């Protein structure tokens, strides 16, 4: 059955995603099943999307009730779920005079953020044409979001991209200050760089970036598409002392959200903080047909309600700490960068080559990902030596334990097969 689906896929789909690893047909909780009936524990959650896992009753109920009530209306009108979600998000951000724009994805939210920076330039009389982004950053693949994304292999096939973007080394405050002047409209950055392997910054860096933006009148825009909605153990990473290095939040001028917000439904958001920033966009300067539709916003409200009602943020912190501690104790693991249930596991390739063993040609981490599928686990590689784990926020220690038991064998078998 799986082979048939994969063959049909190859006959009808573009090759943008390559060959799918499996053909999945069902999900429940932290598990999914392929077309041949094999079960997998999902440690990727659709790339940090399925915050409540698969087929969560709250998501099913919200979708069912809303589709029976009101599906799509366009943004010529508003709806109760849209307003309720905006109220909820601005309340959770704990910032006065915040405002929301809803899109369909993280990339679209970052496109809106880029346009917000351009609006700040025009509001300043055209004196702020420059946007600063960070090396190793990932903000999306549409042309504007791609202009903010560092990885050359993503950018180069589509150049020339929208201009005015300057990249500085991530975590180097001196390099950022060297580019920072009154011609900068915005600094756009992830509080933790997710696609780069859950890479963090030196303690105090976010505060220093905030101070530099304040000094020169530039906007600070946080891309919280992966890190938001409880992924790190707080609602947003900018509120997390482990991320910011301080008990006080490092509040941006705007942030983008997506992924976990919809619990599997497509939705993105740009949230602007403060009246002056929120009024940069005026009527007609941006738009979307499907963004903020009743189905997606009703589901997002249900996701937020469930995270709060079931005390899921505490679960993220507890299970995340347990997972990280166990991983750090494993052979062949060099380091674990952990923020709640968002973890970059750096494999010790030097230890392996130091024993005279060869590494898989495709890289150790991608080969481990493939072997893990055979064992029944969905994980991800961000580069040749780094695994990324971003399971549903509802996962328990009992559901984590089998992977912890099997991962040393998975790595050992992967290395053995390369030698």
Protein backbone atom coordinates (compact mmCIF):
# COMPACT_ATOMS: atom_id res chain seq x y z
CA UNK A 1 0.00 0.00 0.00
CA UNK A 2 2.78 2.46 0.92
CA UNK A 3 4.71 1.66 -2.25
CA UNK A 4 1.61 2.30 -4.36
CA UNK A 5 1.05 5.71 -2.73
CA UNK A 6 4.69 6.67 -3.17
CA UNK A 7 4.61 5.73 -6.84
CA UNK A 8 1.45 7.76 -7.37
CA UNK A 9 3.11 10.67 -5.55
CA UNK A 10 6.10 10.58 -7.89
CA UNK A 11 3.82 10.54 -10.91
CA UNK A 12 1.74 13.56 -9.88
CA UNK A 13 3.81 15.80 -7.55
CA UNK A 14 6.75 18.09 -8.31
CA UNK A 15 10.14 17.05 -6.96
CA UNK A 16 10.35 20.00 -4.56
CA UNK A 17 10.28 17.74 -1.49
CA UNK A 18 12.14 14.80 -3.01
CA UNK A 19 10.87 11.31 -2.24
CA UNK A 20 8.70 11.13 0.90
CA UNK A 21 10.14 8.98 3.68
CA UNK A 22 6.80 7.27 4.32
CA UNK A 23 3.14 7.47 3.30
CA UNK A 24 1.22 8.27 6.51
CA UNK A 25 -2.48 7.62 6.82
CA UNK A 26 -3.50 8.03 10.47
CA UNK A 27 -2.47 9.79 13.67
CA UNK A 28 -3.52 9.69 17.29
CA UNK A 29 -1.79 11.40 20.20
CA UNK A 30 1.99 11.18 19.70
CA UNK A 31 1.72 8.32 17.19
CA UNK A 32 1.20 8.05 13.43
CA UNK A 33 0.71 5.03 11.18
CA UNK A 34 1.86 4.46 7.63
CA UNK A 35 -0.16 2.87 4.86
CA UNK A 36 1.24 -0.56 5.74
CA UNK A 37 0.09 -0.30 9.36
CA UNK A 38 3.49 0.41 10.96
CA UNK A 39 3.33 2.74 13.97
CA UNK A 40 5.80 5.57 14.62
CA UNK A 41 6.30 7.81 17.64
CA UNK A 42 6.32 11.35 16.28
CA UNK A 43 9.25 13.33 17.71
CA UNK A 44 8.91 16.03 15.04
CA UNK A 45 5.19 16.92 15.26
CA UNK A 46 4.99 18.01 11.64
CA UNK A 47 8.05 20.24 12.23
CA UNK A 48 6.90 21.69 15.57
CA UNK A 49 3.29 22.10 14.39
CA UNK A 50 1.12 19.52 16.15
CA UNK A 51 1.33 21.02 19.62
CA UNK A 52 -1.46 18.76 20.92
CA UNK A 53 -0.42 15.75 18.87
CA UNK A 54 -2.67 14.10 16.31
CA UNK A 55 -6.49 14.03 16.35
CA UNK A 56 -6.69 15.74 19.74
CA UNK A 57 -10.33 15.86 20.88
CA UNK A 58 -10.21 19.63 21.45
CA UNK A 59 -8.99 20.25 17.91
CA UNK A 60 -11.52 17.83 16.39
CA UNK A 61 -14.37 19.40 18.35
CA UNK A 62 -13.39 22.97 17.49
CA UNK A 63 -13.04 22.20 13.79
CA UNK A 64 -16.26 20.20 13.64
CA UNK A 65 -18.32 22.82 15.43
CA UNK A 66 -16.89 25.70 13.42
CA UNK A 67 -17.23 24.10 9.98
CA UNK A 68 -20.87 23.42 10.81
CA UNK A 69 -21.30 27.07 11.76
CA UNK A 70 -19.16 29.29 9.53
CA UNK A 71 -16.24 28.34 7.32
CA UNK A 72 -14.86 31.15 5.17
CA UNK A 73 -15.96 34.79 4.97
CA UNK A 74 -12.91 36.80 3.72
CA UNK A 75 -11.45 39.74 5.59
CA UNK A 76 -14.16 42.08 4.37
CA UNK A 77 -15.84 40.79 7.54
CA UNK A 78 -14.75 39.51 10.91
CA UNK A 79 -15.82 36.60 13.07
CA UNK A 80 -15.97 35.68 16.74
CA UNK A 81 -13.05 33.20 16.54
CA UNK A 82 -10.81 35.76 14.83
CA UNK A 83 -11.44 38.44 17.44
CA UNK A 84 -11.22 35.93 20.29
CA UNK A 85 -7.84 34.69 19.06
CA UNK A 86 -6.47 38.22 18.71
CA UNK A 87 -7.62 39.05 22.24
CA UNK A 88 -6.06 35.88 23.58
CA UNK A 89 -2.68 36.30 21.90
CA UNK A 90 -2.28 39.93 22.87
CA UNK A 91 -3.19 39.01 26.45
CA UNK A 92 -0.64 36.18 26.57
CA UNK A 93 2.05 38.50 25.24
CA UNK A 94 1.35 40.82 28.18
CA UNK A 95 2.04 43.94 26.11
CA UNK A 96 -0.30 46.91 25.93
CA UNK A 97 -1.64 48.24 22.63
CA UNK A 98 -0.77 45.05 20.74
CA UNK A 99 -2.49 44.17 17.47
CA UNK A 100 -2.72 41.07 15.27
CA UNK A 101 -2.61 40.31 11.57
CA UNK A 102 -3.43 36.71 10.66
CA UNK A 103 -1.92 34.91 7.69
CA UNK A 104 -1.82 31.28 6.55
CA UNK A 105 1.77 30.32 7.39
CA UNK A 106 4.98 31.40 9.04
CA UNK A 107 6.47 32.49 5.75
CA UNK A 108 3.50 34.76 5.11
CA UNK A 109 3.80 36.18 8.62
CA UNK A 110 7.46 36.98 7.95
CA UNK A 111 6.54 38.59 4.63
CA UNK A 112 4.25 40.88 6.63
CA UNK A 113 7.08 41.55 9.10
CA UNK A 114 9.40 42.51 6.23
CA UNK A 115 6.75 44.89 4.91
CA UNK A 116 6.38 46.31 8.43
CA UNK A 117 10.09 47.14 8.35
CA UNK A 118 9.61 48.86 4.99
CA UNK A 119 6.68 50.82 6.41
CA UNK A 120 8.95 51.98 9.24
CA UNK A 121 11.39 53.17 6.58
CA UNK A 122 8.71 55.16 4.77
CA UNK A 123 7.34 56.57 8.01
CA UNK A 124 10.88 57.80 8.68
CA UNK A 125 10.97 59.65 5.37
CA UNK A 126 12.85 56.93 3.53
CA UNK A 127 15.91 57.27 5.74
CA UNK A 128 15.84 53.63 6.93
CA UNK A 129 16.35 51.34 3.91
CA UNK A 130 18.39 48.70 5.75
CA UNK A 131 17.23 45.51 7.52
CA UNK A 132 19.63 43.43 9.60
CA UNK A 133 19.24 39.64 9.75
CA UNK A 134 21.51 36.97 11.23
CA UNK A 135 23.69 34.35 9.65
CA UNK A 136 22.24 30.85 10.10
CA UNK A 137 18.75 32.38 10.13
CA UNK A 138 15.75 30.74 8.49
CA UNK A 139 12.60 32.81 7.91
CA UNK A 140 10.89 31.10 4.97
CA UNK A 141 11.10 30.45 1.24
CA UNK A 142 8.94 33.08 -0.47
CA UNK A 143 10.95 35.91 -1.99
CA UNK A 144 10.70 38.37 0.89
CA UNK A 145 11.19 35.77 3.62
CA UNK A 146 14.00 34.21 1.60
CA UNK A 147 15.75 37.58 1.45
CA UNK A 148 15.98 37.33 5.27
CA UNK A 149 17.17 33.71 5.21
CA UNK A 150 20.89 33.04 5.35
CA UNK A 151 21.45 29.60 3.79
CA UNK A 152 23.12 30.12 0.38
CA UNK A 153 21.65 26.99 -1.23
CA UNK A 154 18.16 28.31 -0.48
CA UNK A 155 18.92 31.82 -1.72
CA UNK A 156 21.22 31.51 -4.71
CA UNK A 157 18.86 29.70 -7.16
CA UNK A 158 16.38 32.60 -6.84
CA UNK A 159 18.56 35.69 -6.82
CA UNK A 160 18.24 38.59 -7.23
CA UNK A 161 16.18 38.81 -4.07
CA UNK A 162 14.64 41.92 -2.48
CA UNK A 163 17.54 44.12 -1.42
CA UNK A 164 18.52 46.11 1.61
CA UNK A 165 19.19 43.10 3.86
CA UNK A 166 22.54 42.85 5.67
CA UNK A 167 23.61 39.65 7.45
CA UNK A 168 25.77 39.69 10.57
CA UNK A 169 27.26 36.75 12.49
CA UNK A 170 24.72 35.31 14.94
CA UNK A 171 25.52 36.08 18.57
CA UNK A 172 28.22 38.67 17.78
CA UNK A 173 26.95 41.91 19.29
CA UNK A 174 29.98 43.87 18.10
CA UNK A 175 29.30 42.86 14.50
CA UNK A 176 25.67 43.90 14.85
CA UNK A 177 26.60 47.24 16.40
CA UNK A 178 29.04 47.86 13.55
CA UNK A 179 26.10 47.67 11.10
CA UNK A 180 23.62 49.44 13.36
CA UNK A 181 22.95 53.10 12.67
CA UNK A 182 19.99 55.36 12.00
CA UNK A 183 19.56 53.87 8.51
CA UNK A 184 18.35 50.55 9.98
CA UNK A 185 14.60 49.94 9.86
CA UNK A 186 14.61 46.66 11.76
CA UNK A 187 16.54 43.73 13.11
CA UNK A 188 14.69 40.51 12.32
CA UNK A 189 15.82 37.40 14.20
CA UNK A 190 14.81 34.15 15.88
CA UNK A 191 15.31 34.18 19.70
CA UNK A 192 16.73 30.67 19.16
CA UNK A 193 17.68 29.56 15.65
CA UNK A 194 15.53 26.51 15.00
CA UNK A 195 16.35 25.35 11.48
CA UNK A 196 20.05 25.84 12.25
CA UNK A 197 19.83 23.18 14.96
CA UNK A 198 18.25 24.92 17.99
CA UNK A 199 21.24 27.28 18.23
CA UNK A 200 21.17 29.75 21.09
CA UNK A 201 23.04 32.99 21.73
CA UNK A 202 25.45 34.18 24.44
CA UNK A 203 23.76 35.24 27.66
CA UNK A 204 22.62 38.83 27.43
CA UNK A 205 22.70 38.98 23.63
CA UNK A 206 18.98 39.56 23.18
CA UNK A 207 19.04 42.45 25.67
CA UNK A 208 22.00 43.96 23.84
CA UNK A 209 20.19 43.74 20.51
CA UNK A 210 17.15 45.33 22.12
CA UNK A 211 19.29 48.18 23.46
CA UNK A 212 20.95 48.73 20.07
CA UNK A 213 17.56 48.94 18.37
CA UNK A 214 16.33 51.41 20.98
CA UNK A 215 19.43 53.57 20.57
CA UNK A 216 18.93 53.91 16.81
CA UNK A 217 15.14 53.80 16.55
CA UNK A 218 15.04 50.46 14.74
CA UNK A 219 12.33 47.85 15.21
CA UNK A 220 13.20 44.55 16.86
CA UNK A 221 11.18 41.76 15.26
CA UNK A 222 11.29 38.24 16.70
CA UNK A 223 10.49 35.26 14.50
CA UNK A 224 8.79 32.93 17.01
CA UNK A 225 7.32 30.63 14.39
CA UNK A 226 9.00 27.57 15.91
CA UNK A 227 9.68 28.85 19.42
CA UNK A 228 6.24 30.27 20.18
CA UNK A 229 3.08 28.70 21.63
CA UNK A 230 4.74 26.84 24.49
CA UNK A 231 7.52 25.07 22.61
CA UNK A 232 10.19 26.28 25.08
CA UNK A 233 8.02 25.95 28.19
CA UNK A 234 6.70 29.52 28.18
CA UNK A 235 4.09 30.95 25.85
CA UNK A 236 6.76 32.77 23.87
CA UNK A 237 10.53 32.44 23.91
CA UNK A 238 11.00 36.14 24.62
CA UNK A 239 9.39 35.45 28.01
CA UNK A 240 11.68 32.52 28.82
CA UNK A 241 14.57 33.31 31.22
CA UNK A 242 16.59 30.41 29.79
CA UNK A 243 16.39 32.05 26.37
CA UNK A 244 16.79 35.68 27.40
CA UNK A 245 19.28 35.18 30.23
CA UNK A 246 17.21 37.40 32.48
CA UNK A 247 14.05 37.16 34.58
CA UNK A 248 12.56 40.10 32.67
CA UNK A 249 11.16 39.45 29.18
CA UNK A 250 13.04 40.93 26.23
CA UNK A 251 10.02 42.43 24.49
CA UNK A 252 10.26 42.95 20.71
CA UNK A 253 8.36 45.54 18.68
CA UNK A 254 6.71 42.74 16.74
CA UNK A 255 6.77 38.97 16.52
CA UNK A 256 5.65 36.35 14.06
CA UNK A 257 3.92 33.08 14.96
CA UNK A 258 2.71 29.98 13.11
CA UNK A 259 3.35 26.23 13.44
CA UNK A 260 2.06 25.25 16.91
CA UNK A 261 -0.56 28.01 16.95
CA UNK A 262 -3.00 26.09 14.75
CA UNK A 263 -2.37 22.63 16.16
CA UNK A 264 -2.21 21.32 12.59
CA UNK A 265 -4.42 23.89 10.86
CA UNK A 266 -2.60 26.42 8.66
CA UNK A 267 -2.28 29.79 10.37
CA UNK A 268 0.33 32.48 10.86
CA UNK A 269 0.32 35.75 12.76
CA UNK A 270 2.16 39.02 12.98
CA UNK A 271 1.70 40.68 16.36
CA UNK A 272 2.76 44.30 16.70
CA UNK A 273 3.47 45.82 20.10
CA UNK A 274 2.70 49.43 21.00
CA UNK A 275 0.41 51.90 19.30
CA UNK A 276 3.10 53.53 17.17
CA UNK A 277 4.23 50.22 15.63
CA UNK A 278 0.70 48.85 15.31
CA UNK A 279 -0.35 51.92 13.31
CA UNK A 280 2.41 51.57 10.70
CA UNK A 281 0.10 49.51 8.48
CA UNK A 282 -2.96 51.37 7.26
CA UNK A 283 -6.04 50.02 5.46
CA UNK A 284 -5.24 48.34 2.16
CA UNK A 285 -1.46 48.17 2.60
CA UNK A 286 -1.45 44.43 3.18
CA UNK A 287 -3.98 41.65 2.90
CA UNK A 288 -4.89 37.99 2.62
CA UNK A 289 -7.89 36.03 1.37
CA UNK A 290 -7.74 33.08 3.74
CA UNK A 291 -5.78 34.48 6.67
CA UNK A 292 -7.69 34.62 9.95
CA UNK A 293 -10.52 32.44 8.64
CA UNK A 294 -12.98 31.08 11.21
CA UNK A 295 -11.77 27.47 10.92
CA UNK A 296 -8.12 28.19 11.64
CA UNK A 297 -8.75 30.80 14.33
CA UNK A 298 -11.33 28.65 16.15
CA UNK A 299 -8.84 25.79 16.21
CA UNK A 300 -6.08 28.07 17.47
CA UNK A 301 -8.28 29.26 20.32
CA UNK A 302 -8.93 25.62 21.25
CA UNK A 303 -5.17 24.93 21.20
CA UNK A 304 -4.45 27.84 23.54
CA UNK A 305 -7.35 26.89 25.84
CA UNK A 306 -6.12 23.29 26.07
CA UNK A 307 -2.50 24.23 26.75
CA UNK A 308 -3.68 26.44 29.61
CA UNK A 309 -6.39 24.13 30.99
CA UNK A 310 -4.21 21.02 30.97
CA UNK A 311 -1.13 22.79 32.34
CA UNK A 312 0.84 21.71 29.30
CA UNK A 313 3.57 24.33 29.74
CA UNK A 314 4.62 22.55 32.94
CA UNK A 315 4.69 19.26 31.04
CA UNK A 316 6.93 20.83 28.40
CA UNK A 317 9.41 21.92 31.06
CA UNK A 318 9.32 18.63 32.98
CA UNK A 319 9.51 16.21 30.06
CA UNK A 320 11.92 18.46 28.18
CA UNK A 321 14.36 18.50 31.11
CA UNK A 322 14.08 14.72 31.48
CA UNK A 323 14.68 14.14 27.78
CA UNK A 324 17.70 16.45 27.70
CA UNK A 325 19.29 14.90 30.81
CA UNK A 326 18.95 11.40 29.41
CA UNK A 327 20.31 12.40 26.01
CA UNK A 328 23.35 14.10 27.52
CA UNK A 329 24.28 10.87 29.29
CA UNK A 330 24.36 8.87 26.05
CA UNK A 331 27.49 7.70 24.25
CA UNK A 332 28.10 9.39 20.90
CA UNK A 333 26.19 12.53 22.00
CA UNK A 334 28.46 15.57 22.15
CA UNK A 335 25.96 18.22 23.28
CA UNK A 336 22.25 18.85 23.74
CA UNK A 337 20.82 22.33 23.25
CA UNK A 338 17.44 22.14 24.96
CA UNK A 339 14.62 24.63 25.42
CA UNK A 340 11.62 22.70 26.67
CA UNK A 341 10.54 20.21 24.01
CA UNK A 342 12.74 21.80 21.35
CA UNK A 343 16.14 20.19 21.31
CA UNK A 344 19.21 20.06 19.10
CA UNK A 345 21.21 16.88 19.70
CA UNK A 346 24.77 17.18 18.41
CA UNK A 347 26.29 13.79 17.68
CA UNK A 348 29.94 13.20 18.52
CA UNK A 349 31.35 12.52 15.07
CA UNK A 350 34.91 13.16 16.34
CA UNK A 351 34.57 10.26 18.75
CA UNK A 352 33.49 7.98 15.93
CA UNK A 353 36.22 9.00 13.50
CA UNK A 354 38.73 8.91 16.36
CA UNK A 355 38.00 5.20 16.68
CA UNK A 356 38.96 4.77 13.05
CA UNK A 357 35.36 4.38 11.87
CA UNK A 358 33.89 6.04 8.81
CA UNK A 359 30.82 8.25 8.86
CA UNK A 360 27.88 7.62 6.52
CA UNK A 361 28.33 9.38 3.20
CA UNK A 362 25.12 11.39 3.62
CA UNK A 363 26.18 12.49 7.11
CA UNK A 364 25.66 10.78 10.43
CA UNK A 365 22.51 12.63 11.51
CA UNK A 366 20.55 12.07 8.25
CA UNK A 367 21.52 8.39 8.33
CA UNK A 368 20.38 8.13 11.96
CA UNK A 369 17.05 9.72 10.98
CA UNK A 370 16.55 7.03 8.32
CA UNK A 371 17.49 4.24 10.72
CA UNK A 372 15.17 5.66 13.39
CA UNK A 373 12.26 5.33 10.96
CA UNK A 374 12.98 1.61 10.71
CA UNK A 375 12.78 1.47 14.51
CA UNK A 376 9.49 3.41 14.52
CA UNK A 377 10.58 6.97 15.42
CA UNK A 378 10.20 10.19 13.45
CA UNK A 379 13.09 12.57 14.15
CA UNK A 380 14.85 15.17 12.03
CA UNK A 381 18.37 16.24 11.04
CA UNK A 382 19.25 19.92 10.64
CA UNK A 383 22.77 19.23 9.37
CA UNK A 384 25.24 16.36 9.03
CA UNK A 385 25.73 15.94 12.77
CA UNK A 386 22.67 17.44 14.51
CA UNK A 387 19.32 15.83 15.28
CA UNK A 388 16.30 17.99 16.04
CA UNK A 389 13.53 16.84 18.38
CA UNK A 390 10.26 18.77 18.56
CA UNK A 391 7.58 16.31 19.69
CA UNK A 392 3.99 17.17 20.57
CA UNK A 393 3.84 19.22 23.77
CA UNK A 394 1.65 16.54 25.36
CA UNK A 395 4.28 13.79 25.19
CA UNK A 396 5.01 11.98 28.46
CA UNK A 397 8.17 10.49 29.92
CA UNK A 398 6.72 7.02 29.29
CA UNK A 399 6.37 7.89 25.60
CA UNK A 400 9.88 9.33 25.50
CA UNK A 401 11.57 6.34 27.15
CA UNK A 402 11.49 3.91 24.19
CA UNK A 403 13.45 6.34 22.01
CA UNK A 404 15.95 6.89 24.83
CA UNK A 405 16.41 3.13 25.10
CA UNK A 406 16.76 2.60 21.36
CA UNK A 407 18.77 5.65 20.26
CA UNK A 408 22.22 4.31 21.28
CA UNK A 409 21.54 1.17 19.22
CA UNK A 410 20.22 3.22 16.33
CA UNK A 411 23.42 5.28 16.26
CA UNK A 412 25.64 2.22 16.66
CA UNK A 413 23.89 0.33 13.86
CA UNK A 414 24.07 3.37 11.59
CA UNK A 415 27.83 3.65 12.12
CA UNK A 416 28.34 -0.10 11.72
CA UNK A 417 26.54 -0.11 8.37
CA UNK A 418 28.85 2.64 7.10
CA UNK A 419 31.95 0.57 7.93
